[in-house]
Every structure is written in C-alpha cells, then in structure tokens.
C-alpha cells in the first residue's frame, strides 16, 4: 500500500476529506508505510549515536514523521488534488532515497568484493605457489600491478619484497609486472629491499629485482629533513604487513 492509499483510504477521512487535515494520517500509519517501502528508520536519540557510515542508510524517525505530518496540519483540509500532489512528492523523494541507498550498498559491496580478491592474491604471492598465482592472474589480470588500498598502495611485488618472499618476487617478474611502480611513499620495490640489504634473504630479492631492471627512486624531497634513526615508511609498512 502506498502513501496515497494510506491517505485516501483512512477510515476517519474518506474520499471527500471532510475531516480535519490533522486526521489524514497519524504517526503509527507513517511507521507502517515506512516499513512497507523499506525505509531504514530509527528514533532520533538512537540516530544521533550512529556512526556516519550508518547514518547514510537511516532516517531520523521522529523528525521525519513530524516533517511529513506538518504537511497536513493546516487550518483547512487540503483538497484531494493538493493532498495527492504532496503525497506524490513524498513518494518521489522516498524513491530517490531508496535508489540512492541501493546504489551505495551495491558500490560498497563491489568494493568489498574487489578488496577480498586483492587480499587473497597478496596472500597467495607470499606462498610462492606459482600455479595459484597464475590462476589468480588468469581470473583477474588487473591484480598484477594493482595497488593495495590498505597497504599504502603497495603492489604485490612491493608487498612480496617487504616480506622477503623470493618465490613470489621472481614469479611476478616472470609475469612481466611493472617492477618500477611506486607506492604512496614514492618507493619502488628496490627502495624497500635496500632497507634490509644486509639480510641474506633480502640479498637474493635484490638480485632478482636488479636483474629485472628495478630501480630505487632517489627523488625523495624529504631526505634533508629525515631522521636517520627512524624511517616512517618502514614503520608503517611493518604495521600493515
């Protein structure tokens, strides 16, 4: 049942709308209607406590109902034409809200699905299982040079280098990944490798990167102001690895 039906089929109103306009609709009927159209609603107090991402999908119930009811609380009852126009506008607004919520939910679901695929690929690279890496790339070719949004936009090669995953590094190079692609710190895989150049495992990684033509990015504007005893990029990487 739509809002127009609720208005014109109200038992106290009838088609001639002879009763007071305030009788056209009550808050209970608005609750029922909101549920029918799938509108996410909650009390004002509960709404205020919600986080911003949750508020996107909710409506402040008491405020919304008062706003809707105020359309009818006039000294003179509106005609069927006026009431119908108001109801139509309300339905159009709610349809847009519902469409927007659906669109946002679909976009969020797509982003989460994509992130899941990226995470699975990065984990697979660390294992060095070439057949599984190939399967991932075959299913989603974009993964080869895809920056990870939760790991400083590091590519799989950079991620494998930071974790000294030699097998993964070599196979990604064989698959013709972009060895000089940079992350949010403007660092390539070689920059990260050079941070632990004395480590035996990392020496092998450095050799593989060097043979593939990977170069460290020396264009670091903050070199003069950096503290040699503390590397922010390294600290962040260790935290999110």
Protein backbone atom coordinates (compact mmCIF):
# COMPACT_ATOMS: atom_id res chain seq x y z
CA UNK A 1 0.00 0.00 0.00
CA UNK A 2 1.42 3.39 -0.98
CA UNK A 3 1.22 6.68 0.88
CA UNK A 4 -1.63 7.92 -1.33
CA UNK A 5 -3.66 4.85 -0.41
CA UNK A 6 -2.95 5.45 3.25
CA UNK A 7 -4.26 8.99 2.95
CA UNK A 8 -7.40 8.38 0.94
CA UNK A 9 -8.36 5.04 2.50
CA UNK A 10 -8.00 6.26 6.07
CA UNK A 11 -11.26 5.14 7.80
CA UNK A 12 -11.67 8.52 9.51
CA UNK A 13 -11.21 10.52 6.33
CA UNK A 14 -12.98 9.01 3.31
CA UNK A 15 -12.77 10.25 -0.23
CA UNK A 16 -14.34 13.64 0.47
CA UNK A 17 -11.70 14.54 3.08
CA UNK A 18 -14.28 16.32 5.25
CA UNK A 19 -12.39 15.73 8.48
CA UNK A 20 -9.62 17.90 9.86
CA UNK A 21 -6.35 17.71 7.95
CA UNK A 22 -4.59 16.56 11.11
CA UNK A 23 -6.66 13.37 10.91
CA UNK A 24 -5.36 12.47 7.48
CA UNK A 25 -2.50 10.48 8.89
CA UNK A 26 -1.04 9.63 12.28
CA UNK A 27 2.44 8.58 13.34
CA UNK A 28 1.53 4.90 13.56
CA UNK A 29 0.44 4.93 9.93
CA UNK A 30 3.70 6.58 8.94
CA UNK A 31 5.58 3.79 10.74
CA UNK A 32 3.68 1.18 8.76
CA UNK A 33 4.20 2.98 5.49
CA UNK A 34 7.92 3.45 6.11
CA UNK A 35 8.27 -0.28 6.75
CA UNK A 36 6.33 -1.07 3.56
CA UNK A 37 8.68 0.95 1.36
CA UNK A 38 11.76 -0.47 3.07
CA UNK A 39 12.85 2.80 4.67
CA UNK A 40 15.53 2.44 7.33
CA UNK A 41 14.35 4.40 10.35
CA UNK A 42 15.29 4.80 13.99
CA UNK A 43 14.47 7.16 16.89
CA UNK A 44 16.25 10.49 16.92
CA UNK A 45 18.27 9.61 20.02
CA UNK A 46 19.48 6.35 18.50
CA UNK A 47 20.19 8.09 15.19
CA UNK A 48 22.47 10.62 16.91
CA UNK A 49 24.57 7.79 18.32
CA UNK A 50 25.15 6.14 14.93
CA UNK A 51 28.46 6.41 13.11
CA UNK A 52 28.46 8.47 9.87
CA UNK A 53 28.53 5.41 7.59
CA UNK A 54 25.44 4.02 9.30
CA UNK A 55 23.55 7.32 9.19
CA UNK A 56 23.79 7.19 5.41
CA UNK A 57 21.25 4.37 5.39
CA UNK A 58 18.94 5.60 8.15
CA UNK A 59 16.35 8.34 8.65
CA UNK A 60 15.71 10.16 11.93
CA UNK A 61 12.29 8.73 12.62
CA UNK A 62 10.69 11.27 14.92
CA UNK A 63 11.99 14.25 12.95
CA UNK A 64 10.99 12.67 9.65
CA UNK A 65 7.47 11.86 10.85
CA UNK A 66 6.96 15.37 12.21
CA UNK A 67 8.09 16.86 8.92
CA UNK A 68 5.73 14.64 6.99
CA UNK A 69 2.79 15.29 9.29
CA UNK A 70 3.36 19.04 9.19
CA UNK A 71 2.28 18.96 5.54
CA UNK A 72 -1.25 18.14 6.69
CA UNK A 73 -1.54 20.20 9.87
CA UNK A 74 -3.22 23.27 8.44
CA UNK A 75 -6.36 25.09 9.45
CA UNK A 76 -8.13 23.98 6.30
CA UNK A 77 -8.01 20.44 5.00
CA UNK A 78 -6.28 20.19 1.60
CA UNK A 79 -8.25 19.17 -1.42
CA UNK A 80 -7.73 15.76 -2.96
CA UNK A 81 -5.65 17.37 -5.69
CA UNK A 82 -3.34 19.16 -3.25
CA UNK A 83 -3.09 16.16 -0.95
CA UNK A 84 -2.33 13.96 -3.93
CA UNK A 85 0.41 16.30 -5.10
CA UNK A 86 2.01 16.34 -1.65
CA UNK A 87 1.83 12.56 -1.42
CA UNK A 88 3.31 12.16 -4.89
CA UNK A 89 6.27 14.38 -3.99
CA UNK A 90 6.80 12.42 -0.78
CA UNK A 91 6.79 9.16 -2.70
CA UNK A 92 9.23 10.54 -5.28
CA UNK A 93 11.59 11.70 -2.52
CA UNK A 94 11.46 8.33 -0.81
CA UNK A 95 12.02 6.51 -4.09
CA UNK A 96 15.14 8.58 -4.69
CA UNK A 97 16.34 7.87 -1.13
CA UNK A 98 15.73 4.17 -1.64
CA UNK A 99 17.52 4.17 -5.02
CA UNK A 100 20.47 6.07 -3.54
CA UNK A 101 20.73 3.66 -0.63
CA UNK A 102 20.62 0.70 -3.00
CA UNK A 103 23.30 2.27 -5.19
CA UNK A 104 25.55 2.96 -2.19
CA UNK A 105 25.10 -0.55 -0.88
CA UNK A 106 25.92 -2.05 -4.27
CA UNK A 107 29.01 0.15 -4.60
CA UNK A 108 30.17 -0.80 -1.12
CA UNK A 109 29.59 -4.49 -1.81
CA UNK A 110 31.57 -4.24 -5.06
CA UNK A 111 34.47 -2.53 -3.26
CA UNK A 112 34.50 -5.19 -0.55
CA UNK A 113 34.40 -7.98 -3.14
CA UNK A 114 37.32 -6.41 -5.05
CA UNK A 115 39.32 -5.97 -1.84
CA UNK A 116 38.74 -9.61 -0.94
CA UNK A 117 40.15 -10.69 -4.32
CA UNK A 118 43.21 -8.44 -3.83
CA UNK A 119 43.83 -9.78 -0.31
CA UNK A 120 43.64 -13.38 -1.49
CA UNK A 121 46.10 -12.63 -4.29
CA UNK A 122 48.60 -10.91 -1.99
CA UNK A 123 48.43 -13.85 0.42
CA UNK A 124 48.97 -16.26 -2.47
CA UNK A 125 52.04 -14.34 -3.65
CA UNK A 126 53.65 -14.80 -0.24
CA UNK A 127 53.32 -18.59 -0.55
CA UNK A 128 55.27 -18.58 -3.81
CA UNK A 129 52.81 -21.08 -5.30
CA UNK A 130 53.25 -20.24 -8.98
CA UNK A 131 50.26 -22.24 -10.19
CA UNK A 132 47.89 -20.46 -7.78
CA UNK A 133 49.41 -17.09 -8.65
CA UNK A 134 48.78 -17.86 -12.33
CA UNK A 135 45.18 -18.83 -11.54
CA UNK A 136 44.59 -15.51 -9.79
CA UNK A 137 46.06 -13.52 -12.68
CA UNK A 138 44.09 -15.52 -15.23
CA UNK A 139 40.86 -14.78 -13.39
CA UNK A 140 41.70 -11.11 -12.69
CA UNK A 141 44.51 -9.71 -14.83
CA UNK A 142 44.36 -6.35 -13.04
CA UNK A 143 45.92 -7.93 -9.94
CA UNK A 144 49.43 -8.00 -11.42
CA UNK A 145 50.03 -4.27 -10.84
CA UNK A 146 47.07 -3.45 -8.61
CA UNK A 147 47.92 -1.16 -5.66
CA UNK A 148 46.52 -2.33 -2.34
CA UNK A 149 44.39 0.48 -0.82
CA UNK A 150 45.05 -0.74 2.73
CA UNK A 151 48.80 -1.26 2.35
CA UNK A 152 49.95 2.16 1.25
CA UNK A 153 49.06 1.37 -2.38
CA UNK A 154 51.81 -1.23 -2.49
CA UNK A 155 51.72 -3.60 -5.45
CA UNK A 156 52.05 -7.35 -5.00
CA UNK A 157 55.74 -7.06 -5.97
CA UNK A 158 56.39 -4.43 -3.29
CA UNK A 159 54.44 -6.47 -0.75
CA UNK A 160 56.38 -9.64 -1.61
CA UNK A 161 59.67 -7.72 -1.40
CA UNK A 162 58.86 -6.31 2.04
CA UNK A 163 58.13 -9.85 3.21
CA UNK A 164 61.22 -11.34 1.51
CA UNK A 165 59.02 -13.72 -0.48
CA UNK A 166 61.63 -14.55 -3.12
CA UNK A 167 59.45 -17.09 -4.95
CA UNK A 168 56.63 -14.60 -5.30
CA UNK A 169 59.00 -11.83 -6.40
CA UNK A 170 60.58 -13.96 -9.12
CA UNK A 171 57.28 -15.20 -10.49
CA UNK A 172 55.73 -11.73 -10.58
CA UNK A 173 58.78 -10.58 -12.56
CA UNK A 174 58.32 -13.53 -14.94
CA UNK A 175 54.73 -12.41 -15.44
CA UNK A 176 56.04 -9.01 -16.59
CA UNK A 177 54.76 -6.92 -13.70
CA UNK A 178 55.73 -3.24 -13.54
CA UNK A 179 58.88 -3.53 -11.43
CA UNK A 180 59.24 0.23 -11.01
CA UNK A 181 55.70 1.01 -9.93
CA UNK A 182 55.68 3.18 -6.81
CA UNK A 183 53.54 3.18 -3.67
CA UNK A 184 52.21 6.09 -1.61
CA UNK A 185 55.73 6.81 -0.34
CA UNK A 186 57.03 7.09 -3.92
CA UNK A 187 59.09 3.99 -3.25
CA UNK A 188 59.65 1.08 -5.60
CA UNK A 189 60.27 -2.49 -4.50
CA UNK A 190 64.01 -1.73 -4.66
CA UNK A 191 63.66 1.10 -2.14
CA UNK A 192 62.13 -1.35 0.30
CA UNK A 193 64.69 -4.03 -0.44
CA UNK A 194 67.56 -1.62 0.19
CA UNK A 195 66.25 -1.01 3.70
CA UNK A 196 67.40 -4.52 4.61
CA UNK A 197 70.22 -5.00 2.16
CA UNK A 198 72.35 -6.82 4.74
CA UNK A 199 69.73 -9.53 5.27
CA UNK A 200 70.67 -12.77 3.49
CA UNK A 201 67.17 -13.42 2.14
CA UNK A 202 66.82 -9.84 1.01
CA UNK A 203 70.11 -10.05 -0.91
CA UNK A 204 68.53 -12.66 -3.16
CA UNK A 205 65.47 -10.49 -3.61
CA UNK A 206 67.67 -7.51 -4.50
CA UNK A 207 69.48 -9.59 -7.13
CA UNK A 208 66.18 -10.67 -8.69
CA UNK A 209 64.95 -7.06 -8.74
CA UNK A 210 68.24 -5.78 -10.17
CA UNK A 211 68.22 -8.36 -12.96
CA UNK A 212 64.65 -7.30 -13.79
CA UNK A 213 65.67 -3.64 -14.09
CA UNK A 214 64.01 -2.46 -10.90
CA UNK A 215 65.49 0.81 -9.65
CA UNK A 216 65.21 2.68 -6.39
CA UNK A 217 63.53 6.05 -6.58
CA UNK A 218 66.03 8.66 -5.37
CA UNK A 219 63.66 11.60 -5.82
CA UNK A 220 62.93 11.98 -2.11
CA UNK A 221 62.17 15.59 -1.22
CA UNK A 222 62.26 14.86 2.49
CA UNK A 223 65.80 13.38 2.59
CA UNK A 224 67.34 16.50 4.14
CA UNK A 225 64.79 16.64 6.92
CA UNK A 226 64.54 12.92 7.66
CA UNK A 227 65.77 11.30 10.83
CA UNK A 228 68.26 8.53 10.01
CA UNK A 229 67.26 6.65 13.16
CA UNK A 230 63.58 6.50 12.21
CA UNK A 231 62.02 5.61 8.89
CA UNK A 232 58.30 6.45 8.83
CA UNK A 233 57.62 4.44 5.68
CA UNK A 234 59.27 1.37 7.16
CA UNK A 235 57.33 1.73 10.42
CA UNK A 236 54.03 1.97 8.59
CA UNK A 237 54.88 -0.97 6.35
CA UNK A 238 55.74 -3.17 9.32
CA UNK A 239 52.45 -2.24 10.91
CA UNK A 240 50.26 -3.08 7.90
CA UNK A 241 52.22 -6.08 6.56
